[in-house]
């Protein structure tokens, strides 16, 4: 699994949801989108990247959303 590609995709998706006026709802919607659209191994690889490397290349919005609801991506 290419983590760099996953980070790029997560950031692109996050850019879309970040424009929503309700910040909390936008983060919930981002997580829901990743849960519906990404296969489990993609989500696990992204979570492992955050746990092992801190997620420095993720947009702050994406990182915040995932850190608030990590269990929903599993």
PDB file of N, CA and C in Angstrom:
ATOM      1  N   UNK A   1       0.844  -1.180   0.000  1.00  0.00           N
ATOM      2  CA  UNK A   1       0.000   0.000   0.000  1.00  0.00           C
ATOM      3  C   UNK A   1       0.885   1.237   0.000  1.00  0.00           C
ATOM      4  N   UNK A   2       0.703   2.110  -0.952  1.00  0.00           N
ATOM      5  CA  UNK A   2       1.491   3.327  -1.077  1.00  0.00           C
ATOM      6  C   UNK A   2       0.885   4.414  -0.185  1.00  0.00           C
ATOM      7  N   UNK A   3       1.510   4.639   0.957  1.00  0.00           N
ATOM      8  CA  UNK A   3       0.986   5.585   1.939  1.00  0.00           C
ATOM      9  C   UNK A   3       0.991   7.005   1.384  1.00  0.00           C
ATOM     10  N   UNK A   4       1.988   7.357   0.595  1.00  0.00           N
ATOM     11  CA  UNK A   4       2.038   8.704   0.021  1.00  0.00           C
ATOM     12  C   UNK A   4       0.800   8.968  -0.833  1.00  0.00           C
ATOM     13  N   UNK A   5       0.393   7.961  -1.580  1.00  0.00           N
ATOM     14  CA  UNK A   5      -0.805   8.103  -2.418  1.00  0.00           C
ATOM     15  C   UNK A   5      -2.056   8.215  -1.546  1.00  0.00           C
ATOM     16  N   UNK A   6      -2.131   7.444  -0.494  1.00  0.00           N
ATOM     17  CA  UNK A   6      -3.277   7.524   0.417  1.00  0.00           C
ATOM     18  C   UNK A   6      -3.367   8.899   1.073  1.00  0.00           C
ATOM     19  N   UNK A   7      -2.228   9.425   1.481  1.00  0.00           N
ATOM     20  CA  UNK A   7      -2.195  10.757   2.093  1.00  0.00           C
ATOM     21  C   UNK A   7      -2.663  11.807   1.086  1.00  0.00           C
ATOM     22  N   UNK A   8      -2.179  11.701  -0.139  1.00  0.00           N
ATOM     23  CA  UNK A   8      -2.593  12.650  -1.180  1.00  0.00           C
ATOM     24  C   UNK A   8      -4.102  12.588  -1.403  1.00  0.00           C
ATOM     25  N   UNK A   9      -4.641  11.370  -1.494  1.00  0.00           N
ATOM     26  CA  UNK A   9      -6.088  11.227  -1.699  1.00  0.00           C
ATOM     27  C   UNK A   9      -6.870  11.757  -0.502  1.00  0.00           C
ATOM     28  N   UNK A  10      -6.422  11.430   0.705  1.00  0.00           N
ATOM     29  CA  UNK A  10      -7.111  11.904   1.910  1.00  0.00           C
ATOM     30  C   UNK A  10      -7.109  13.428   1.960  1.00  0.00           C
ATOM     31  N   UNK A  11      -6.002  14.039   1.593  1.00  0.00           N
ATOM     32  CA  UNK A  11      -5.920  15.501   1.580  1.00  0.00           C
ATOM     33  C   UNK A  11      -6.850  16.110   0.526  1.00  0.00           C
ATOM     34  N   UNK A  12      -6.945  15.476  -0.632  1.00  0.00           N
ATOM     35  CA  UNK A  12      -7.851  15.983  -1.671  1.00  0.00           C
ATOM     36  C   UNK A  12      -9.304  15.888  -1.214  1.00  0.00           C
ATOM     37  N   UNK A  13      -9.662  14.773  -0.621  1.00  0.00           N
ATOM     38  CA  UNK A  13     -11.019  14.599  -0.113  1.00  0.00           C
ATOM     39  C   UNK A  13     -11.264  15.601   1.014  1.00  0.00           C
ATOM     40  N   UNK A  14     -10.280  15.755   1.885  1.00  0.00           N
ATOM     41  CA  UNK A  14     -10.392  16.710   2.984  1.00  0.00           C
ATOM     42  C   UNK A  14     -10.584  18.133   2.497  1.00  0.00           C
ATOM     43  N   UNK A  15      -9.935  18.503   1.404  1.00  0.00           N
ATOM     44  CA  UNK A  15     -10.094  19.852   0.843  1.00  0.00           C
ATOM     45  C   UNK A  15     -11.543  20.118   0.460  1.00  0.00           C
ATOM     46  N   UNK A  16     -12.211  19.108  -0.060  1.00  0.00           N
ATOM     47  CA  UNK A  16     -13.619  19.250  -0.409  1.00  0.00           C
ATOM     48  C   UNK A  16     -14.472  19.463   0.839  1.00  0.00           C
ATOM     49  N   UNK A  17     -14.325  18.587   1.810  1.00  0.00           N
ATOM     50  CA  UNK A  17     -15.174  18.668   3.001  1.00  0.00           C
ATOM     51  C   UNK A  17     -14.845  19.872   3.874  1.00  0.00           C
ATOM     52  N   UNK A  18     -13.622  20.318   3.843  1.00  0.00           N
ATOM     53  CA  UNK A  18     -13.195  21.457   4.665  1.00  0.00           C
ATOM     54  C   UNK A  18     -13.944  22.746   4.316  1.00  0.00           C
ATOM     55  N   UNK A  19     -14.487  22.816   3.118  1.00  0.00           N
ATOM     56  CA  UNK A  19     -15.196  24.032   2.699  1.00  0.00           C
ATOM     57  C   UNK A  19     -16.614  24.120   3.273  1.00  0.00           C
ATOM     58  N   UNK A  20     -17.080  23.054   3.898  1.00  0.00           N
ATOM     59  CA  UNK A  20     -18.426  23.059   4.458  1.00  0.00           C
ATOM     60  C   UNK A  20     -18.482  24.031   5.641  1.00  0.00           C
ATOM     61  N   UNK A  21     -19.618  24.717   5.819  1.00  0.00           N
ATOM     62  CA  UNK A  21     -19.706  25.726   6.881  1.00  0.00           C
ATOM     63  C   UNK A  21     -19.685  25.143   8.302  1.00  0.00           C
ATOM     64  N   UNK A  22     -20.205  23.949   8.492  1.00  0.00           N
ATOM     65  CA  UNK A  22     -20.242  23.331   9.822  1.00  0.00           C
ATOM     66  C   UNK A  22     -19.012  22.429   9.967  1.00  0.00           C
ATOM     67  N   UNK A  23     -18.037  22.910  10.722  1.00  0.00           N
ATOM     68  CA  UNK A  23     -16.747  22.216  10.848  1.00  0.00           C
ATOM     69  C   UNK A  23     -16.909  20.790  11.373  1.00  0.00           C
ATOM     70  N   UNK A  24     -17.685  20.624  12.428  1.00  0.00           N
ATOM     71  CA  UNK A  24     -17.858  19.297  13.012  1.00  0.00           C
ATOM     72  C   UNK A  24     -18.563  18.345  12.049  1.00  0.00           C
ATOM     73  N   UNK A  25     -19.581  18.837  11.364  1.00  0.00           N
ATOM     74  CA  UNK A  25     -20.288  18.005  10.391  1.00  0.00           C
ATOM     75  C   UNK A  25     -19.376  17.642   9.224  1.00  0.00           C
ATOM     76  N   UNK A  26     -18.535  18.572   8.835  1.00  0.00           N
ATOM     77  CA  UNK A  26     -17.589  18.312   7.744  1.00  0.00           C
ATOM     78  C   UNK A  26     -16.633  17.184   8.121  1.00  0.00           C
ATOM     79  N   UNK A  27     -16.154  17.189   9.364  1.00  0.00           N
ATOM     80  CA  UNK A  27     -15.255  16.121   9.793  1.00  0.00           C
ATOM     81  C   UNK A  27     -15.992  14.783   9.842  1.00  0.00           C
ATOM     82  N   UNK A  28     -17.223  14.787  10.318  1.00  0.00           N
ATOM     83  CA  UNK A  28     -18.028  13.564  10.346  1.00  0.00           C
ATOM     84  C   UNK A  28     -18.252  13.046   8.936  1.00  0.00           C
ATOM     85  N   UNK A  29     -18.548  13.941   8.018  1.00  0.00           N
ATOM     86  CA  UNK A  29     -18.779  13.548   6.628  1.00  0.00           C
ATOM     87  C   UNK A  29     -17.510  13.013   5.968  1.00  0.00           C
ATOM     88  N   UNK A  30     -16.372  13.603   6.297  1.00  0.00           N
ATOM     89  CA  UNK A  30     -15.096  13.102   5.771  1.00  0.00           C
ATOM     90  C   UNK A  30     -14.869  11.666   6.222  1.00  0.00           C
ATOM     91  N   UNK A  31     -15.049  11.417   7.501  1.00  0.00           N
ATOM     92  CA  UNK A  31     -14.851  10.062   8.024  1.00  0.00           C
ATOM     93  C   UNK A  31     -15.829   9.097   7.376  1.00  0.00           C
ATOM     94  N   UNK A  32     -17.075   9.507   7.234  1.00  0.00           N
ATOM     95  CA  UNK A  32     -18.083   8.646   6.589  1.00  0.00           C
ATOM     96  C   UNK A  32     -17.690   8.327   5.154  1.00  0.00           C
ATOM     97  N   UNK A  33     -17.185   9.317   4.445  1.00  0.00           N
ATOM     98  CA  UNK A  33     -16.764   9.106   3.062  1.00  0.00           C
ATOM     99  C   UNK A  33     -15.621   8.084   2.998  1.00  0.00           C
ATOM    100  N   UNK A  34     -14.620   8.249   3.857  1.00  0.00           N
ATOM    101  CA  UNK A  34     -13.503   7.309   3.857  1.00  0.00           C
ATOM    102  C   UNK A  34     -13.977   5.903   4.218  1.00  0.00           C
ATOM    103  N   UNK A  35     -14.892   5.805   5.148  1.00  0.00           N
ATOM    104  CA  UNK A  35     -15.413   4.496   5.560  1.00  0.00           C
ATOM    105  C   UNK A  35     -16.162   3.814   4.408  1.00  0.00           C
ATOM    106  N   UNK A  36     -16.956   4.593   3.680  1.00  0.00           N
ATOM    107  CA  UNK A  36     -17.744   4.036   2.570  1.00  0.00           C
ATOM    108  C   UNK A  36     -16.901   3.749   1.334  1.00  0.00           C
ATOM    109  N   UNK A  37     -15.939   4.609   1.049  1.00  0.00           N
ATOM    110  CA  UNK A  37     -15.249   4.577  -0.238  1.00  0.00           C
ATOM    111  C   UNK A  37     -13.906   3.850  -0.240  1.00  0.00           C
ATOM    112  N   UNK A  38     -13.265   3.758   0.896  1.00  0.00           N
ATOM    113  CA  UNK A  38     -11.954   3.122   0.963  1.00  0.00           C
ATOM    114  C   UNK A  38     -12.101   1.713   1.512  1.00  0.00           C
ATOM    115  N   UNK A  39     -11.353   0.802   0.945  1.00  0.00           N
ATOM    116  CA  UNK A  39     -11.383  -0.563   1.467  1.00  0.00           C
ATOM    117  C   UNK A  39     -10.643  -0.601   2.811  1.00  0.00           C
ATOM    118  N   UNK A  40     -10.930  -1.596   3.640  1.00  0.00           N
ATOM    119  CA  UNK A  40     -10.349  -1.646   4.985  1.00  0.00           C
ATOM    120  C   UNK A  40      -8.825  -1.554   5.033  1.00  0.00           C
ATOM    121  N   UNK A  41      -8.130  -2.188   4.114  1.00  0.00           N
ATOM    122  CA  UNK A  41      -6.662  -2.127   4.187  1.00  0.00           C
ATOM    123  C   UNK A  41      -6.140  -0.716   3.908  1.00  0.00           C
ATOM    124  N   UNK A  42      -6.851   0.059   3.109  1.00  0.00           N
ATOM    125  CA  UNK A  42      -6.458   1.451   2.870  1.00  0.00           C
ATOM    126  C   UNK A  42      -6.625   2.262   4.152  1.00  0.00           C
ATOM    127  N   UNK A  43      -7.755   2.069   4.823  1.00  0.00           N
ATOM    128  CA  UNK A  43      -8.009   2.796   6.071  1.00  0.00           C
ATOM    129  C   UNK A  43      -6.998   2.387   7.147  1.00  0.00           C
ATOM    130  N   UNK A  44      -6.706   1.091   7.237  1.00  0.00           N
ATOM    131  CA  UNK A  44      -5.726   0.621   8.224  1.00  0.00           C
ATOM    132  C   UNK A  44      -4.341   1.206   7.945  1.00  0.00           C
ATOM    133  N   UNK A  45      -3.974   1.279   6.681  1.00  0.00           N
ATOM    134  CA  UNK A  45      -2.661   1.839   6.318  1.00  0.00           C
ATOM    135  C   UNK A  45      -2.580   3.319   6.695  1.00  0.00           C
ATOM    136  N   UNK A  46      -3.657   4.055   6.498  1.00  0.00           N
ATOM    137  CA  UNK A  46      -3.672   5.469   6.863  1.00  0.00           C
ATOM    138  C   UNK A  46      -3.588   5.629   8.381  1.00  0.00           C
ATOM    139  N   UNK A  47      -4.338   4.822   9.116  1.00  0.00           N
ATOM    140  CA  UNK A  47      -4.275   4.876  10.580  1.00  0.00           C
ATOM    141  C   UNK A  47      -2.888   4.498  11.085  1.00  0.00           C
ATOM    142  N   UNK A  48      -2.264   3.497  10.481  1.00  0.00           N
ATOM    143  CA  UNK A  48      -0.915   3.086  10.883  1.00  0.00           C
ATOM    144  C   UNK A  48       0.083   4.205  10.606  1.00  0.00           C
ATOM    145  N   UNK A  49      -0.079   4.868   9.487  1.00  0.00           N
ATOM    146  CA  UNK A  49       0.795   5.997   9.145  1.00  0.00           C
ATOM    147  C   UNK A  49       0.692   7.086  10.215  1.00  0.00           C
ATOM    148  N   UNK A  50      -0.524   7.379  10.639  1.00  0.00           N
ATOM    149  CA  UNK A  50      -0.717   8.402  11.671  1.00  0.00           C
ATOM    150  C   UNK A  50      -0.100   7.951  12.989  1.00  0.00           C
ATOM    151  N   UNK A  51      -0.322   6.707  13.349  1.00  0.00           N
ATOM    152  CA  UNK A  51       0.200   6.195  14.617  1.00  0.00           C
ATOM    153  C   UNK A  51       1.729   6.125  14.615  1.00  0.00           C
ATOM    154  N   UNK A  52       2.307   5.671  13.520  1.00  0.00           N
ATOM    155  CA  UNK A  52       3.752   5.455  13.461  1.00  0.00           C
ATOM    156  C   UNK A  52       4.548   6.712  13.114  1.00  0.00           C
ATOM    157  N   UNK A  53       3.963   7.577  12.264  1.00  0.00           N
ATOM    158  CA  UNK A  53       4.720   8.733  11.786  1.00  0.00           C
ATOM    159  C   UNK A  53       4.085  10.066  12.147  1.00  0.00           C
ATOM    160  N   UNK A  54       2.956  10.043  12.824  1.00  0.00           N
ATOM    161  CA  UNK A  54       2.330  11.275  13.286  1.00  0.00           C
ATOM    162  C   UNK A  54       1.431  11.965  12.287  1.00  0.00           C
ATOM    163  N   UNK A  55       1.418  11.511  11.051  1.00  0.00           N
ATOM    164  CA  UNK A  55       0.529  12.100  10.054  1.00  0.00           C
ATOM    165  C   UNK A  55       0.912  13.496   9.606  1.00  0.00           C
ATOM    166  N   UNK A  56       2.196  13.811   9.648  1.00  0.00           N
ATOM    167  CA  UNK A  56       2.661  15.166   9.355  1.00  0.00           C
ATOM    168  C   UNK A  56       2.284  15.667   7.957  1.00  0.00           C
ATOM    169  N   UNK A  57       2.143  14.777   6.987  1.00  0.00           N
ATOM    170  CA  UNK A  57       1.836  15.204   5.624  1.00  0.00           C
ATOM    171  C   UNK A  57       0.334  15.372   5.373  1.00  0.00           C
ATOM    172  N   UNK A  58      -0.470  15.033   6.358  1.00  0.00           N
ATOM    173  CA  UNK A  58      -1.913  15.222   6.211  1.00  0.00           C
ATOM    174  C   UNK A  58      -2.289  16.666   6.519  1.00  0.00           C
ATOM    175  N   UNK A  59      -3.304  17.141   5.831  1.00  0.00           N
ATOM    176  CA  UNK A  59      -3.827  18.476   6.136  1.00  0.00           C
ATOM    177  C   UNK A  59      -4.310  18.465   7.586  1.00  0.00           C
ATOM    178  N   UNK A  60      -4.160  19.571   8.302  1.00  0.00           N
ATOM    179  CA  UNK A  60      -4.613  19.620   9.696  1.00  0.00           C
ATOM    180  C   UNK A  60      -6.083  19.222   9.863  1.00  0.00           C
ATOM    181  N   UNK A  61      -6.929  19.607   8.926  1.00  0.00           N
ATOM    182  CA  UNK A  61      -8.349  19.246   8.990  1.00  0.00           C
ATOM    183  C   UNK A  61      -8.541  17.733   8.947  1.00  0.00           C
ATOM    184  N   UNK A  62      -7.831  17.071   8.043  1.00  0.00           N
ATOM    185  CA  UNK A  62      -7.946  15.622   7.889  1.00  0.00           C
ATOM    186  C   UNK A  62      -7.426  14.919   9.140  1.00  0.00           C
ATOM    187  N   UNK A  63      -6.295  15.357   9.623  1.00  0.00           N
ATOM    188  CA  UNK A  63      -5.706  14.755  10.811  1.00  0.00           C
ATOM    189  C   UNK A  63      -6.615  14.934  12.019  1.00  0.00           C
ATOM    190  N   UNK A  64      -7.176  16.111  12.166  1.00  0.00           N
ATOM    191  CA  UNK A  64      -8.095  16.376  13.276  1.00  0.00           C
ATOM    192  C   UNK A  64      -9.314  15.459  13.198  1.00  0.00           C
ATOM    193  N   UNK A  65      -9.888  15.320  12.019  1.00  0.00           N
ATOM    194  CA  UNK A  65     -11.071  14.479  11.848  1.00  0.00           C
ATOM    195  C   UNK A  65     -10.769  13.030  12.202  1.00  0.00           C
ATOM    196  N   UNK A  66      -9.653  12.525  11.737  1.00  0.00           N
ATOM    197  CA  UNK A  66      -9.295  11.127  12.001  1.00  0.00           C
ATOM    198  C   UNK A  66      -8.971  10.922  13.469  1.00  0.00           C
ATOM    199  N   UNK A  67      -8.276  11.853  14.071  1.00  0.00           N
ATOM    200  CA  UNK A  67      -7.931  11.710  15.489  1.00  0.00           C
ATOM    201  C   UNK A  67      -9.165  11.795  16.389  1.00  0.00           C
ATOM    202  N   UNK A  68     -10.183  12.514  15.956  1.00  0.00           N
ATOM    203  CA  UNK A  68     -11.404  12.598  16.747  1.00  0.00           C
ATOM    204  C   UNK A  68     -12.222  11.313  16.669  1.00  0.00           C
ATOM    205  N   UNK A  69     -12.128  10.596  15.559  1.00  0.00           N
ATOM    206  CA  UNK A  69     -12.983   9.443  15.336  1.00  0.00           C
ATOM    207  C   UNK A  69     -12.225   8.249  14.766  1.00  0.00           C
ATOM    208  N   UNK A  70     -11.086   7.862  15.339  1.00  0.00           N
ATOM    209  CA  UNK A  70     -10.291   6.795  14.738  1.00  0.00           C
ATOM    210  C   UNK A  70     -11.027   5.453  14.671  1.00  0.00           C
ATOM    211  N   UNK A  71     -11.853   5.168  15.651  1.00  0.00           N
ATOM    212  CA  UNK A  71     -12.574   3.898  15.671  1.00  0.00           C
ATOM    213  C   UNK A  71     -13.541   3.748  14.532  1.00  0.00           C
ATOM    214  N   UNK A  72     -14.017   4.843  13.973  1.00  0.00           N
ATOM    215  CA  UNK A  72     -14.985   4.768  12.877  1.00  0.00           C
ATOM    216  C   UNK A  72     -14.343   4.385  11.558  1.00  0.00           C
ATOM    217  N   UNK A  73     -13.030   4.440  11.486  1.00  0.00           N
ATOM    218  CA  UNK A  73     -12.347   4.049  10.243  1.00  0.00           C
ATOM    219  C   UNK A  73     -11.956   2.575  10.248  1.00  0.00           C
ATOM    220  N   UNK A  74     -12.096   1.921  11.351  1.00  0.00           N
ATOM    221  CA  UNK A  74     -11.672   0.516  11.434  1.00  0.00           C
ATOM    222  C   UNK A  74     -12.752  -0.421  10.990  1.00  0.00           C
TER     223      UNK A  74
END
